[in-house]
N, C-alpha and C. Protein backbone atom coordinates (compact mmCIF):
# COMPACT_ATOMS: atom_id res chain seq x y z
N MET A 1 -22.81 -13.48 -14.49
CA MET A 1 -22.29 -13.77 -13.08
C MET A 1 -21.07 -14.32 -12.65
N PRO A 2 -20.57 -13.29 -11.46
CA PRO A 2 -18.88 -14.29 -11.21
C PRO A 2 -18.68 -15.58 -11.12
N SER A 3 -17.47 -16.02 -11.13
CA SER A 3 -17.52 -17.23 -10.88
C SER A 3 -17.47 -17.42 -9.18
N SER A 4 -17.25 -18.58 -8.69
CA SER A 4 -17.18 -18.86 -7.44
C SER A 4 -15.96 -19.04 -7.17
N SER A 5 -14.89 -19.50 -7.93
CA SER A 5 -13.72 -18.80 -8.09
C SER A 5 -13.12 -17.54 -7.11
N SER A 6 -13.91 -16.52 -8.21
CA SER A 6 -13.56 -15.13 -7.73
C SER A 6 -14.26 -14.32 -6.49
N ILE A 7 -15.45 -15.05 -6.05
CA ILE A 7 -15.77 -14.45 -5.00
C ILE A 7 -14.68 -14.77 -3.54
N HIS A 8 -14.54 -15.97 -4.01
CA HIS A 8 -13.82 -17.08 -3.18
C HIS A 8 -12.48 -15.84 -2.72
N ALA A 9 -12.06 -15.71 -3.99
CA ALA A 9 -10.63 -14.94 -3.87
C ALA A 9 -11.13 -13.91 -3.07
N PHE A 10 -11.87 -12.76 -3.66
CA PHE A 10 -12.59 -11.80 -3.14
C PHE A 10 -12.86 -12.03 -1.76
N ALA A 11 -13.18 -12.59 -1.40
CA ALA A 11 -13.66 -12.80 0.23
C ALA A 11 -12.20 -13.32 1.35
N ARG A 12 -11.34 -13.77 0.31
CA ARG A 12 -10.26 -13.92 1.17
C ARG A 12 -9.46 -12.22 1.01
N ALA A 13 -9.50 -12.19 0.04
CA ALA A 13 -8.98 -10.58 0.38
C ALA A 13 -9.14 -10.19 1.56
N ILE A 14 -10.82 -9.74 1.46
CA ILE A 14 -11.45 -9.09 2.76
C ILE A 14 -10.99 -9.44 4.22
N VAL A 15 -10.83 -10.67 4.09
CA VAL A 15 -10.42 -11.75 5.38
C VAL A 15 -9.34 -10.78 5.38
N ILE A 16 -8.23 -11.45 4.93
CA ILE A 16 -6.92 -10.31 5.09
C ILE A 16 -6.56 -9.28 5.63
N VAL A 17 -7.59 -8.19 4.55
CA VAL A 17 -7.70 -6.71 5.21
C VAL A 17 -7.74 -6.50 6.25
N VAL A 18 -8.87 -6.96 6.92
CA VAL A 18 -9.61 -7.00 8.25
C VAL A 18 -8.74 -7.58 9.10
N VAL A 19 -7.71 -8.87 9.13
CA VAL A 19 -7.00 -9.16 9.84
C VAL A 19 -5.77 -8.44 10.20
N MET A 20 -5.53 -7.61 9.16
CA MET A 20 -4.20 -6.41 9.14
C MET A 20 -4.96 -5.35 9.86
N HIS A 21 -5.95 -5.17 9.82
CA HIS A 21 -6.67 -3.68 10.45
C HIS A 21 -6.53 -4.03 11.79
N LEU A 22 -7.04 -5.31 12.15
CA LEU A 22 -6.98 -5.76 13.95
C LEU A 22 -5.48 -5.84 14.54
N LEU A 23 -4.62 -6.25 13.74
CA LEU A 23 -3.27 -6.78 14.29
C LEU A 23 -3.07 -5.24 14.41
N LEU A 24 -2.84 -4.31 13.42
CA LEU A 24 -1.95 -3.09 13.60
C LEU A 24 -2.71 -2.51 14.70
N GLY A 25 -3.94 -2.09 14.84
CA GLY A 25 -4.70 -1.67 15.68
C GLY A 25 -4.24 -2.50 17.62
N ALA A 26 -4.12 -3.16 16.95
CA ALA A 26 -3.57 -4.32 18.54
C ALA A 26 -2.31 -4.03 18.73
N LEU A 27 -1.66 -3.75 18.30
CA LEU A 27 -0.35 -3.64 18.22
C LEU A 27 0.74 -2.13 18.22
N SER A 28 -0.45 -1.54 17.88
CA SER A 28 0.07 0.00 17.73
C SER A 28 0.75 0.97 19.05
N PRO A 29 0.11 0.73 19.79
CA PRO A 29 1.37 0.75 21.16
C PRO A 29 2.38 0.75 20.93
N LEU A 30 3.01 -0.58 20.55
CA LEU A 30 4.15 -0.88 19.80
C LEU A 30 4.98 -0.74 18.87
N ILE A 31 4.12 -0.33 17.83
CA ILE A 31 4.50 0.35 16.69
C ILE A 31 5.13 1.64 16.26
N ALA A 32 3.93 2.13 16.78
CA ALA A 32 4.07 3.99 16.55
C ALA A 32 5.49 4.45 17.41
N PRO A 33 5.78 5.34 16.24
CA PRO A 33 7.25 5.84 16.75
C PRO A 33 7.18 7.16 17.77
N TYR A 34 5.89 7.43 17.87
CA TYR A 34 5.94 8.47 18.83
C TYR A 34 4.30 8.94 19.18
N ASP A 35 4.13 9.62 20.69
CA ASP A 35 2.88 9.51 21.01
C ASP A 35 2.24 10.35 20.22
N ALA A 36 0.95 10.02 20.05
CA ALA A 36 0.07 10.90 19.08
C ALA A 36 0.05 11.99 18.80
N SER A 37 -0.53 12.46 20.30
CA SER A 37 -0.23 13.94 20.69
C SER A 37 0.71 14.85 20.65
N ALA A 38 1.96 14.74 20.62
CA ALA A 38 3.26 14.83 20.89
C ALA A 38 3.23 16.28 19.81
N LEU A 39 4.10 16.89 19.74
CA LEU A 39 4.45 17.80 18.52
C LEU A 39 5.90 17.56 18.31
N VAL A 40 5.83 16.67 17.32
CA VAL A 40 7.15 16.48 17.11
C VAL A 40 8.13 16.71 16.02
N GLY A 41 7.73 17.58 14.74
CA GLY A 41 8.57 18.14 14.57
C GLY A 41 7.34 19.53 14.07
N ALA A 42 8.21 19.73 12.60
CA ALA A 42 7.84 21.34 12.16
C ALA A 42 6.45 21.09 11.41
N PRO A 43 5.37 21.76 11.60
CA PRO A 43 4.30 21.66 11.00
C PRO A 43 4.22 21.35 9.58
N LEU A 44 3.13 20.56 8.50
CA LEU A 44 2.96 20.14 7.46
C LEU A 44 4.48 19.72 6.72
N MET A 45 5.45 18.37 7.57
CA MET A 45 6.25 18.16 6.60
C MET A 45 6.08 16.94 5.95
N PRO A 46 6.44 16.92 4.59
CA PRO A 46 6.16 15.83 3.82
C PRO A 46 6.94 14.87 4.32
N PRO A 47 6.26 13.53 3.88
CA PRO A 47 6.93 12.07 4.30
C PRO A 47 8.19 12.07 4.14
N SER A 48 8.84 11.02 5.48
CA SER A 48 10.67 11.32 5.22
C SER A 48 10.88 9.76 5.92
N SER A 49 12.14 9.71 5.65
CA SER A 49 11.89 8.27 7.28
C SER A 49 12.07 8.84 8.29
N GLU A 50 12.23 9.83 9.27
CA GLU A 50 11.50 10.18 10.36
C GLU A 50 10.09 10.04 10.85
N PHE A 51 9.50 10.77 9.54
CA PHE A 51 7.78 10.84 9.93
C PHE A 51 7.08 10.56 8.01
N LEU A 52 6.94 9.02 8.62
CA LEU A 52 6.31 8.10 7.20
C LEU A 52 5.05 8.39 6.51
N MET A 53 4.46 9.47 7.18
CA MET A 53 3.24 10.11 6.68
C MET A 53 3.53 11.19 6.88
N GLY A 54 4.57 12.11 7.04
CA GLY A 54 4.82 13.56 7.46
C GLY A 54 4.11 14.23 8.63
N THR A 55 4.00 15.47 8.69
CA THR A 55 3.33 16.32 9.97
C THR A 55 2.03 16.72 9.74
N ASP A 56 0.97 16.66 10.39
CA ASP A 56 -0.08 17.62 10.30
C ASP A 56 0.24 19.13 10.48
N GLN A 57 -0.72 20.04 10.83
CA GLN A 57 -0.72 21.35 10.51
C GLN A 57 0.12 22.03 12.22
N ILE A 58 -0.03 20.95 12.80
CA ILE A 58 1.06 21.84 14.23
C ILE A 58 1.75 20.96 14.69
N GLY A 59 2.39 19.94 13.58
CA GLY A 59 3.62 19.25 14.25
C GLY A 59 3.32 17.77 14.72
N ARG A 60 2.36 16.90 14.87
CA ARG A 60 2.30 16.23 15.14
C ARG A 60 2.15 15.17 14.18
N ASP A 61 2.87 14.16 14.68
CA ASP A 61 3.32 12.28 13.73
C ASP A 61 1.93 11.58 12.98
N TYR A 62 1.63 11.88 11.41
CA TYR A 62 0.58 11.59 11.26
C TYR A 62 -0.15 9.84 11.13
N PHE A 63 1.62 9.30 11.07
CA PHE A 63 1.23 7.35 11.21
C PHE A 63 1.22 7.15 12.77
N SER A 64 1.62 7.70 13.53
CA SER A 64 1.31 7.68 14.81
C SER A 64 -0.55 7.75 15.59
N ARG A 65 -0.53 8.79 14.78
CA ARG A 65 -2.35 9.06 14.78
C ARG A 65 -2.89 8.53 13.86
N ILE A 66 -2.95 8.06 13.37
CA ILE A 66 -3.49 6.93 12.44
C ILE A 66 -3.83 5.36 12.96
N LEU A 67 -2.29 5.26 13.78
CA LEU A 67 -2.47 3.62 14.41
C LEU A 67 -2.92 4.01 16.00
N GLU A 68 -2.63 5.27 16.47
CA GLU A 68 -3.73 5.29 17.53
C GLU A 68 -5.54 5.28 17.32
N GLY A 69 -6.09 6.21 16.31
CA GLY A 69 -7.15 5.79 15.84
C GLY A 69 -7.66 4.58 15.75
N SER A 70 -6.33 3.97 15.14
CA SER A 70 -7.13 2.48 14.90
C SER A 70 -7.58 1.39 16.18
N GLU A 71 -7.01 2.14 16.98
CA GLU A 71 -7.14 1.06 18.48
C GLU A 71 -8.81 1.51 18.66
N LEU A 72 -9.76 2.28 18.30
CA LEU A 72 -11.06 2.65 19.09
C LEU A 72 -11.51 1.48 18.35
N PRO A 73 -12.17 1.38 17.64
CA PRO A 73 -13.09 0.73 16.58
C PRO A 73 -12.88 -0.58 17.00
N ARG A 74 -11.78 -1.16 17.57
CA ARG A 74 -12.07 -2.65 18.04
C ARG A 74 -12.45 -2.89 19.01
N TRP A 75 -12.93 -1.77 20.47
CA TRP A 75 -13.66 -1.66 21.41
C TRP A 75 -14.95 -1.63 21.96
N TYR A 76 -15.38 -1.11 20.02
CA TYR A 76 -16.94 -1.10 20.08
C TYR A 76 -18.00 -1.65 20.14
N PRO A 77 -17.86 -3.09 19.88
CA PRO A 77 -18.32 -3.89 20.07
C PRO A 77 -18.77 -4.66 21.05
N PHE A 78 -17.92 -4.07 22.17
CA PHE A 78 -17.66 -4.54 23.66
C PHE A 78 -17.99 -3.05 24.92
N ALA A 79 -18.61 -2.90 24.24
CA ALA A 79 -18.85 -1.32 24.55
C ALA A 79 -20.32 -1.20 25.67
N GLU A 80 -21.29 -1.96 25.04
CA GLU A 80 -22.43 -2.28 25.47
C GLU A 80 -22.61 -2.93 26.33
């Protein structure tokens, strides 16, 4: 059986990850370098200083799209 200190450390790590996700979701309009649906580069570009996670098949920035996607789930609890 795991000790209580390891359980507390794991719970603390989970809380930190959840808080970071909520902060990124809340600040995503300010952090995202490009509009998530804008064609900003050549298709399938690798990660670089211009595109932190590269671009997708049609040239949209992955990082901006992931940040935009993190905005939606935080409003689900208030939808009903």
